[in-house]
Amino acid sequence: AESKAFGELAMTPECNALQGIFFGATALKKNRYGAPKQAVTTVGVLGAGLMGAGVAQVSAAKGYKVLLKDINQAGLGRGLKQIQ
């Protein structure tokens, strides 16, 4: 009874869609470009708002050189103030 029910469920469009999502997500996790030729040393962050400043802060704490850019000097100043 259980194997028959499983067989019926395995043939539904929902099951097919879920398999497609699984196989697609699995394929995206693989790095098709191989190892980088050189190590990443600099991180560029566009936008010094709450999220951008947070990304910049964490990256700097991890030892990366950070380039922080914003649309104007006032926004950049607020972002730098938040980081310090």
PDB file of N, CA and C in Angstrom:
ATOM      1  N   ALA A   1       0.827  -1.194   0.000  1.00  0.00           N
ATOM      2  CA  ALA A   1       0.000   0.000   0.000  1.00  0.00           C
ATOM      3  C   ALA A   1       0.872   1.260   0.000  1.00  0.00           C
ATOM      4  N   GLU A   2       1.920   1.221   0.806  1.00  0.00           N
ATOM      5  CA  GLU A   2       2.784   2.399   0.886  1.00  0.00           C
ATOM      6  C   GLU A   2       3.543   2.621  -0.422  1.00  0.00           C
ATOM      7  N   SER A   3       4.045   1.557  -1.014  1.00  0.00           N
ATOM      8  CA  SER A   3       4.800   1.701  -2.262  1.00  0.00           C
ATOM      9  C   SER A   3       3.890   2.169  -3.396  1.00  0.00           C
ATOM     10  N   LYS A   4       2.627   1.715  -3.388  1.00  0.00           N
ATOM     11  CA  LYS A   4       1.690   2.144  -4.420  1.00  0.00           C
ATOM     12  C   LYS A   4       1.398   3.641  -4.277  1.00  0.00           C
ATOM     13  N   ALA A   5       1.178   4.095  -3.048  1.00  0.00           N
ATOM     14  CA  ALA A   5       0.910   5.516  -2.793  1.00  0.00           C
ATOM     15  C   ALA A   5       2.128   6.360  -3.161  1.00  0.00           C
ATOM     16  N   PHE A   6       3.312   5.860  -2.858  1.00  0.00           N
ATOM     17  CA  PHE A   6       4.535   6.585  -3.210  1.00  0.00           C
ATOM     18  C   PHE A   6       4.658   6.703  -4.724  1.00  0.00           C
ATOM     19  N   GLY A   7       4.380   5.640  -5.422  1.00  0.00           N
ATOM     20  CA  GLY A   7       4.430   5.659  -6.885  1.00  0.00           C
ATOM     21  C   GLY A   7       3.459   6.667  -7.478  1.00  0.00           C
ATOM     22  N   GLU A   8       2.272   6.747  -6.904  1.00  0.00           N
ATOM     23  CA  GLU A   8       1.283   7.718  -7.388  1.00  0.00           C
ATOM     24  C   GLU A   8       1.748   9.151  -7.129  1.00  0.00           C
ATOM     25  N   LEU A   9       2.317   9.389  -5.947  1.00  0.00           N
ATOM     26  CA  LEU A   9       2.809  10.727  -5.626  1.00  0.00           C
ATOM     27  C   LEU A   9       3.999  11.117  -6.507  1.00  0.00           C
ATOM     28  N   ALA A  10       4.837  10.149  -6.822  1.00  0.00           N
ATOM     29  CA  ALA A  10       6.032  10.426  -7.614  1.00  0.00           C
ATOM     30  C   ALA A  10       5.695  10.831  -9.043  1.00  0.00           C
ATOM     31  N   MET A  11       4.496  10.552  -9.493  1.00  0.00           N
ATOM     32  CA  MET A  11       4.105  10.867 -10.871  1.00  0.00           C
ATOM     33  C   MET A  11       3.292  12.155 -10.987  1.00  0.00           C
ATOM     34  N   THR A  12       3.148  12.898  -9.898  1.00  0.00           N
ATOM     35  CA  THR A  12       2.339  14.120  -9.943  1.00  0.00           C
ATOM     36  C   THR A  12       3.158  15.292 -10.494  1.00  0.00           C
ATOM     37  N   PRO A  13       2.492  16.308 -11.044  1.00  0.00           N
ATOM     38  CA  PRO A  13       3.210  17.505 -11.517  1.00  0.00           C
ATOM     39  C   PRO A  13       3.932  18.237 -10.384  1.00  0.00           C
ATOM     40  N   GLU A  14       3.365  18.184  -9.185  1.00  0.00           N
ATOM     41  CA  GLU A  14       4.002  18.828  -8.034  1.00  0.00           C
ATOM     42  C   GLU A  14       5.349  18.183  -7.720  1.00  0.00           C
ATOM     43  N   CYS A  15       5.387  16.853  -7.793  1.00  0.00           N
ATOM     44  CA  CYS A  15       6.628  16.128  -7.544  1.00  0.00           C
ATOM     45  C   CYS A  15       7.662  16.494  -8.605  1.00  0.00           C
ATOM     46  N   ASN A  16       7.233  16.570  -9.838  1.00  0.00           N
ATOM     47  CA  ASN A  16       8.139  16.936 -10.925  1.00  0.00           C
ATOM     48  C   ASN A  16       8.701  18.348 -10.718  1.00  0.00           C
ATOM     49  N   ALA A  17       7.847  19.277 -10.272  1.00  0.00           N
ATOM     50  CA  ALA A  17       8.295  20.648 -10.025  1.00  0.00           C
ATOM     51  C   ALA A  17       9.292  20.693  -8.869  1.00  0.00           C
ATOM     52  N   LEU A  18       9.016  19.951  -7.808  1.00  0.00           N
ATOM     53  CA  LEU A  18       9.930  19.919  -6.663  1.00  0.00           C
ATOM     54  C   LEU A  18      11.275  19.312  -7.039  1.00  0.00           C
ATOM     55  N   GLN A  19      11.263  18.290  -7.888  1.00  0.00           N
ATOM     56  CA  GLN A  19      12.525  17.704  -8.351  1.00  0.00           C
ATOM     57  C   GLN A  19      13.311  18.721  -9.177  1.00  0.00           C
ATOM     58  N   GLY A  20      12.604  19.490 -10.006  1.00  0.00           N
ATOM     59  CA  GLY A  20      13.270  20.517 -10.795  1.00  0.00           C
ATOM     60  C   GLY A  20      13.924  21.570  -9.923  1.00  0.00           C
ATOM     61  N   ILE A  21      13.229  21.982  -8.865  1.00  0.00           N
ATOM     62  CA  ILE A  21      13.791  22.958  -7.925  1.00  0.00           C
ATOM     63  C   ILE A  21      15.024  22.380  -7.244  1.00  0.00           C
ATOM     64  N   PHE A  22      14.938  21.136  -6.802  1.00  0.00           N
ATOM     65  CA  PHE A  22      16.067  20.503  -6.117  1.00  0.00           C
ATOM     66  C   PHE A  22      17.280  20.402  -7.029  1.00  0.00           C
ATOM     67  N   PHE A  23      17.089  19.880  -8.230  1.00  0.00           N
ATOM     68  CA  PHE A  23      18.220  19.701  -9.135  1.00  0.00           C
ATOM     69  C   PHE A  23      18.775  21.049  -9.591  1.00  0.00           C
ATOM     70  N   GLY A  24      17.916  22.041  -9.774  1.00  0.00           N
ATOM     71  CA  GLY A  24      18.380  23.376 -10.140  1.00  0.00           C
ATOM     72  C   GLY A  24      19.200  24.016  -9.039  1.00  0.00           C
ATOM     73  N   ALA A  25      18.722  23.916  -7.794  1.00  0.00           N
ATOM     74  CA  ALA A  25      19.451  24.487  -6.658  1.00  0.00           C
ATOM     75  C   ALA A  25      20.785  23.782  -6.459  1.00  0.00           C
ATOM     76  N   THR A  26      20.802  22.475  -6.651  1.00  0.00           N
ATOM     77  CA  THR A  26      22.042  21.709  -6.515  1.00  0.00           C
ATOM     78  C   THR A  26      23.048  22.117  -7.589  1.00  0.00           C
ATOM     79  N   ALA A  27      22.585  22.316  -8.814  1.00  0.00           N
ATOM     80  CA  ALA A  27      23.483  22.716  -9.903  1.00  0.00           C
ATOM     81  C   ALA A  27      24.056  24.104  -9.660  1.00  0.00           C
ATOM     82  N   LEU A  28      23.278  25.012  -9.068  1.00  0.00           N
ATOM     83  CA  LEU A  28      23.760  26.367  -8.818  1.00  0.00           C
ATOM     84  C   LEU A  28      24.812  26.433  -7.719  1.00  0.00           C
ATOM     85  N   LYS A  29      24.854  25.436  -6.853  1.00  0.00           N
ATOM     86  CA  LYS A  29      25.839  25.425  -5.773  1.00  0.00           C
ATOM     87  C   LYS A  29      27.234  25.085  -6.277  1.00  0.00           C
ATOM     88  N   LYS A  30      27.318  24.483  -7.435  1.00  0.00           N
ATOM     89  CA  LYS A  30      28.610  24.077  -7.974  1.00  0.00           C
ATOM     90  C   LYS A  30      29.283  25.274  -8.652  1.00  0.00           C
ATOM     91  N   ASN A  31      30.567  25.423  -8.408  1.00  0.00           N
ATOM     92  CA  ASN A  31      31.345  26.507  -9.013  1.00  0.00           C
ATOM     93  C   ASN A  31      31.880  26.027 -10.353  1.00  0.00           C
ATOM     94  N   ARG A  32      31.282  26.510 -11.449  1.00  0.00           N
ATOM     95  CA  ARG A  32      31.709  26.040 -12.762  1.00  0.00           C
ATOM     96  C   ARG A  32      32.955  26.731 -13.257  1.00  0.00           C
ATOM     97  N   TYR A  33      33.434  27.733 -12.543  1.00  0.00           N
ATOM     98  CA  TYR A  33      34.602  28.485 -12.996  1.00  0.00           C
ATOM     99  C   TYR A  33      35.903  28.026 -12.354  1.00  0.00           C
ATOM    100  N   GLY A  34      35.840  27.131 -11.398  1.00  0.00           N
ATOM    101  CA  GLY A  34      37.054  26.658 -10.736  1.00  0.00           C
ATOM    102  C   GLY A  34      37.535  27.640  -9.675  1.00  0.00           C
ATOM    103  N   ALA A  35      38.709  27.369  -9.165  1.00  0.00           N
ATOM    104  CA  ALA A  35      39.281  28.205  -8.107  1.00  0.00           C
ATOM    105  C   ALA A  35      39.710  29.554  -8.689  1.00  0.00           C
ATOM    106  N   PRO A  36      39.592  30.622  -7.913  1.00  0.00           N
ATOM    107  CA  PRO A  36      40.026  31.928  -8.408  1.00  0.00           C
ATOM    108  C   PRO A  36      41.541  31.949  -8.637  1.00  0.00           C
ATOM    109  N   LYS A  37      41.978  32.741  -9.619  1.00  0.00           N
ATOM    110  CA  LYS A  37      43.397  32.809  -9.946  1.00  0.00           C
ATOM    111  C   LYS A  37      44.188  33.573  -8.901  1.00  0.00           C
ATOM    112  N   GLN A  38      43.540  34.505  -8.230  1.00  0.00           N
ATOM    113  CA  GLN A  38      44.205  35.233  -7.151  1.00  0.00           C
ATOM    114  C   GLN A  38      43.210  35.460  -6.019  1.00  0.00           C
ATOM    115  N   ALA A  39      43.729  35.629  -4.831  1.00  0.00           N
ATOM    116  CA  ALA A  39      42.873  35.797  -3.656  1.00  0.00           C
ATOM    117  C   ALA A  39      42.185  37.156  -3.689  1.00  0.00           C
ATOM    118  N   VAL A  40      40.988  37.213  -3.148  1.00  0.00           N
ATOM    119  CA  VAL A  40      40.244  38.464  -3.038  1.00  0.00           C
ATOM    120  C   VAL A  40      40.833  39.257  -1.880  1.00  0.00           C
ATOM    121  N   THR A  41      41.226  40.506  -2.156  1.00  0.00           N
ATOM    122  CA  THR A  41      41.791  41.348  -1.107  1.00  0.00           C
ATOM    123  C   THR A  41      40.982  42.621  -0.899  1.00  0.00           C
ATOM    124  N   THR A  42      40.180  43.012  -1.894  1.00  0.00           N
ATOM    125  CA  THR A  42      39.424  44.254  -1.830  1.00  0.00           C
ATOM    126  C   THR A  42      37.952  43.976  -2.092  1.00  0.00           C
ATOM    127  N   VAL A  43      37.092  44.622  -1.302  1.00  0.00           N
ATOM    128  CA  VAL A  43      35.649  44.485  -1.458  1.00  0.00           C
ATOM    129  C   VAL A  43      35.075  45.866  -1.763  1.00  0.00           C
ATOM    130  N   GLY A  44      34.274  45.973  -2.812  1.00  0.00           N
ATOM    131  CA  GLY A  44      33.602  47.215  -3.141  1.00  0.00           C
ATOM    132  C   GLY A  44      32.146  47.146  -2.702  1.00  0.00           C
ATOM    133  N   VAL A  45      31.674  48.160  -1.994  1.00  0.00           N
ATOM    134  CA  VAL A  45      30.297  48.198  -1.505  1.00  0.00           C
ATOM    135  C   VAL A  45      29.633  49.453  -2.054  1.00  0.00           C
ATOM    136  N   LEU A  46      28.556  49.271  -2.791  1.00  0.00           N
ATOM    137  CA  LEU A  46      27.799  50.402  -3.326  1.00  0.00           C
ATOM    138  C   LEU A  46      26.637  50.706  -2.396  1.00  0.00           C
ATOM    139  N   GLY A  47      26.641  51.886  -1.832  1.00  0.00           N
ATOM    140  CA  GLY A  47      25.585  52.285  -0.904  1.00  0.00           C
ATOM    141  C   GLY A  47      26.074  52.181   0.524  1.00  0.00           C
ATOM    142  N   ALA A  48      26.123  53.315   1.218  1.00  0.00           N
ATOM    143  CA  ALA A  48      26.625  53.342   2.588  1.00  0.00           C
ATOM    144  C   ALA A  48      25.492  53.424   3.601  1.00  0.00           C
ATOM    145  N   GLY A  49      24.319  52.934   3.219  1.00  0.00           N
ATOM    146  CA  GLY A  49      23.193  52.900   4.154  1.00  0.00           C
ATOM    147  C   GLY A  49      23.399  51.830   5.210  1.00  0.00           C
ATOM    148  N   LEU A  50      22.326  51.464   5.864  1.00  0.00           N
ATOM    149  CA  LEU A  50      22.408  50.493   6.949  1.00  0.00           C
ATOM    150  C   LEU A  50      23.038  49.180   6.493  1.00  0.00           C
ATOM    151  N   MET A  51      22.558  48.641   5.391  1.00  0.00           N
ATOM    152  CA  MET A  51      23.074  47.352   4.924  1.00  0.00           C
ATOM    153  C   MET A  51      24.492  47.488   4.370  1.00  0.00           C
ATOM    154  N   GLY A  52      24.727  48.505   3.539  1.00  0.00           N
ATOM    155  CA  GLY A  52      26.047  48.687   2.958  1.00  0.00           C
ATOM    156  C   GLY A  52      27.113  48.921   4.014  1.00  0.00           C
ATOM    157  N   ALA A  53      26.800  49.757   5.001  1.00  0.00           N
ATOM    158  CA  ALA A  53      27.748  50.024   6.080  1.00  0.00           C
ATOM    159  C   ALA A  53      28.021  48.747   6.879  1.00  0.00           C
ATOM    160  N   GLY A  54      26.990  47.941   7.071  1.00  0.00           N
ATOM    161  CA  GLY A  54      27.179  46.670   7.786  1.00  0.00           C
ATOM    162  C   GLY A  54      28.077  45.714   7.031  1.00  0.00           C
ATOM    163  N   VAL A  55      27.867  45.611   5.716  1.00  0.00           N
ATOM    164  CA  VAL A  55      28.713  44.748   4.888  1.00  0.00           C
ATOM    165  C   VAL A  55      30.153  45.251   4.920  1.00  0.00           C
ATOM    166  N   ALA A  56      30.323  46.567   4.815  1.00  0.00           N
ATOM    167  CA  ALA A  56      31.658  47.152   4.851  1.00  0.00           C
ATOM    168  C   ALA A  56      32.339  46.895   6.189  1.00  0.00           C
ATOM    169  N   GLN A  57      31.600  47.023   7.263  1.00  0.00           N
ATOM    170  CA  GLN A  57      32.159  46.820   8.602  1.00  0.00           C
ATOM    171  C   GLN A  57      32.622  45.380   8.800  1.00  0.00           C
ATOM    172  N   VAL A  58      31.789  44.440   8.413  1.00  0.00           N
ATOM    173  CA  VAL A  58      32.141  43.022   8.568  1.00  0.00           C
ATOM    174  C   VAL A  58      33.334  42.676   7.680  1.00  0.00           C
ATOM    175  N   SER A  59      33.348  43.201   6.461  1.00  0.00           N
ATOM    176  CA  SER A  59      34.451  42.918   5.536  1.00  0.00           C
ATOM    177  C   SER A  59      35.760  43.482   6.069  1.00  0.00           C
ATOM    178  N   ALA A  60      35.722  44.705   6.587  1.00  0.00           N
ATOM    179  CA  ALA A  60      36.930  45.311   7.147  1.00  0.00           C
ATOM    180  C   ALA A  60      37.417  44.538   8.361  1.00  0.00           C
ATOM    181  N   ALA A  61      36.481  44.078   9.185  1.00  0.00           N
ATOM    182  CA  ALA A  61      36.854  43.297  10.367  1.00  0.00           C
ATOM    183  C   ALA A  61      37.518  41.973   9.984  1.00  0.00           C
ATOM    184  N   LYS A  62      37.171  41.461   8.805  1.00  0.00           N
ATOM    185  CA  LYS A  62      37.768  40.212   8.331  1.00  0.00           C
ATOM    186  C   LYS A  62      39.112  40.436   7.633  1.00  0.00           C
ATOM    187  N   GLY A  63      39.525  41.707   7.524  1.00  0.00           N
ATOM    188  CA  GLY A  63      40.837  41.996   6.966  1.00  0.00           C
ATOM    189  C   GLY A  63      40.854  42.410   5.508  1.00  0.00           C
ATOM    190  N   TYR A  64      39.690  42.628   4.908  1.00  0.00           N
ATOM    191  CA  TYR A  64      39.637  43.063   3.513  1.00  0.00           C
ATOM    192  C   TYR A  64      39.773  44.575   3.428  1.00  0.00           C
ATOM    193  N   LYS A  65      40.375  45.051   2.336  1.00  0.00           N
ATOM    194  CA  LYS A  65      40.370  46.475   2.030  1.00  0.00           C
ATOM    195  C   LYS A  65      38.976  46.773   1.483  1.00  0.00           C
ATOM    196  N   VAL A  66      38.319  47.823   1.969  1.00  0.00           N
ATOM    197  CA  VAL A  66      36.939  48.107   1.591  1.00  0.00           C
ATOM    198  C   VAL A  66      36.849  49.446   0.875  1.00  0.00           C
ATOM    199  N   LEU A  67      36.197  49.440  -0.276  1.00  0.00           N
ATOM    200  CA  LEU A  67      35.872  50.670  -1.002  1.00  0.00           C
ATOM    201  C   LEU A  67      34.379  50.902  -0.835  1.00  0.00           C
ATOM    202  N   LEU A  68      34.016  51.948  -0.127  1.00  0.00           N
ATOM    203  CA  LEU A  68      32.617  52.252   0.161  1.00  0.00           C
ATOM    204  C   LEU A  68      32.199  53.455  -0.670  1.00  0.00           C
ATOM    205  N   LYS A  69      31.144  53.305  -1.451  1.00  0.00           N
ATOM    206  CA  LYS A  69      30.671  54.394  -2.316  1.00  0.00           C
ATOM    207  C   LYS A  69      29.200  54.661  -2.017  1.00  0.00           C
ATOM    208  N   ASP A  70      28.834  55.936  -2.130  1.00  0.00           N
ATOM    209  CA  ASP A  70      27.440  56.322  -1.953  1.00  0.00           C
ATOM    210  C   ASP A  70      27.119  57.432  -2.947  1.00  0.00           C
ATOM    211  N   ILE A  71      25.852  57.739  -3.079  1.00  0.00           N
ATOM    212  CA  ILE A  71      25.408  58.715  -4.076  1.00  0.00           C
ATOM    213  C   ILE A  71      25.901  60.128  -3.764  1.00  0.00           C
ATOM    214  N   ASN A  72      26.121  60.440  -2.482  1.00  0.00           N
ATOM    215  CA  ASN A  72      26.631  61.765  -2.128  1.00  0.00           C
ATOM    216  C   ASN A  72      27.512  61.672  -0.888  1.00  0.00           C
ATOM    217  N   GLN A  73      28.207  62.748  -0.609  1.00  0.00           N
ATOM    218  CA  GLN A  73      29.160  62.770   0.506  1.00  0.00           C
ATOM    219  C   GLN A  73      28.459  62.624   1.855  1.00  0.00           C
ATOM    220  N   ALA A  74      27.247  63.195   1.978  1.00  0.00           N
ATOM    221  CA  ALA A  74      26.515  63.110   3.250  1.00  0.00           C
ATOM    222  C   ALA A  74      26.168  61.653   3.579  1.00  0.00           C
ATOM    223  N   GLY A  75      25.708  60.899   2.573  1.00  0.00           N
ATOM    224  CA  GLY A  75      25.396  59.481   2.796  1.00  0.00           C
ATOM    225  C   GLY A  75      26.631  58.687   3.152  1.00  0.00           C
ATOM    226  N   LEU A  76      27.727  58.993   2.493  1.00  0.00           N
ATOM    227  CA  LEU A  76      28.981  58.311   2.790  1.00  0.00           C
ATOM    228  C   LEU A  76      29.442  58.623   4.212  1.00  0.00           C
ATOM    229  N   GLY A  77      29.278  59.878   4.616  1.00  0.00           N
ATOM    230  CA  GLY A  77      29.655  60.266   5.980  1.00  0.00           C
ATOM    231  C   GLY A  77      28.838  59.535   7.033  1.00  0.00           C
ATOM    232  N   ARG A  78      27.530  59.395   6.792  1.00  0.00           N
ATOM    233  CA  ARG A  78      26.676  58.655   7.742  1.00  0.00           C
ATOM    234  C   ARG A  78      27.111  57.197   7.828  1.00  0.00           C
ATOM    235  N   GLY A  79      27.442  56.609   6.676  1.00  0.00           N
ATOM    236  CA  GLY A  79      27.881  55.221   6.667  1.00  0.00           C
ATOM    237  C   GLY A  79      29.180  55.025   7.410  1.00  0.00           C
ATOM    238  N   LEU A  80      30.135  55.924   7.183  1.00  0.00           N
ATOM    239  CA  LEU A  80      31.413  55.833   7.895  1.00  0.00           C
ATOM    240  C   LEU A  80      31.236  56.032   9.404  1.00  0.00           C
ATOM    241  N   LYS A  81      30.352  56.937   9.770  1.00  0.00           N
ATOM    242  CA  LYS A  81      30.078  57.186  11.188  1.00  0.00           C
ATOM    243  C   LYS A  81      29.481  55.932  11.853  1.00  0.00           C
ATOM    244  N   GLN A  82      28.617  55.254  11.123  1.00  0.00           N
ATOM    245  CA  GLN A  82      28.005  54.032  11.652  1.00  0.00           C
ATOM    246  C   GLN A  82      29.049  52.935  11.836  1.00  0.00           C
ATOM    247  N   ILE A  83      30.004  52.855  10.928  1.00  0.00           N
ATOM    248  CA  ILE A  83      31.039  51.820  10.996  1.00  0.00           C
ATOM    249  C   ILE A  83      31.974  52.076  12.185  1.00  0.00           C
ATOM    250  N   GLN A  84      32.341  53.333  12.387  1.00  0.00           N
ATOM    251  CA  GLN A  84      33.286  53.662  13.469  1.00  0.00           C
ATOM    252  C   GLN A  84      32.537  53.685  14.754  1.00  0.00           C
TER     253      GLN A  84
END
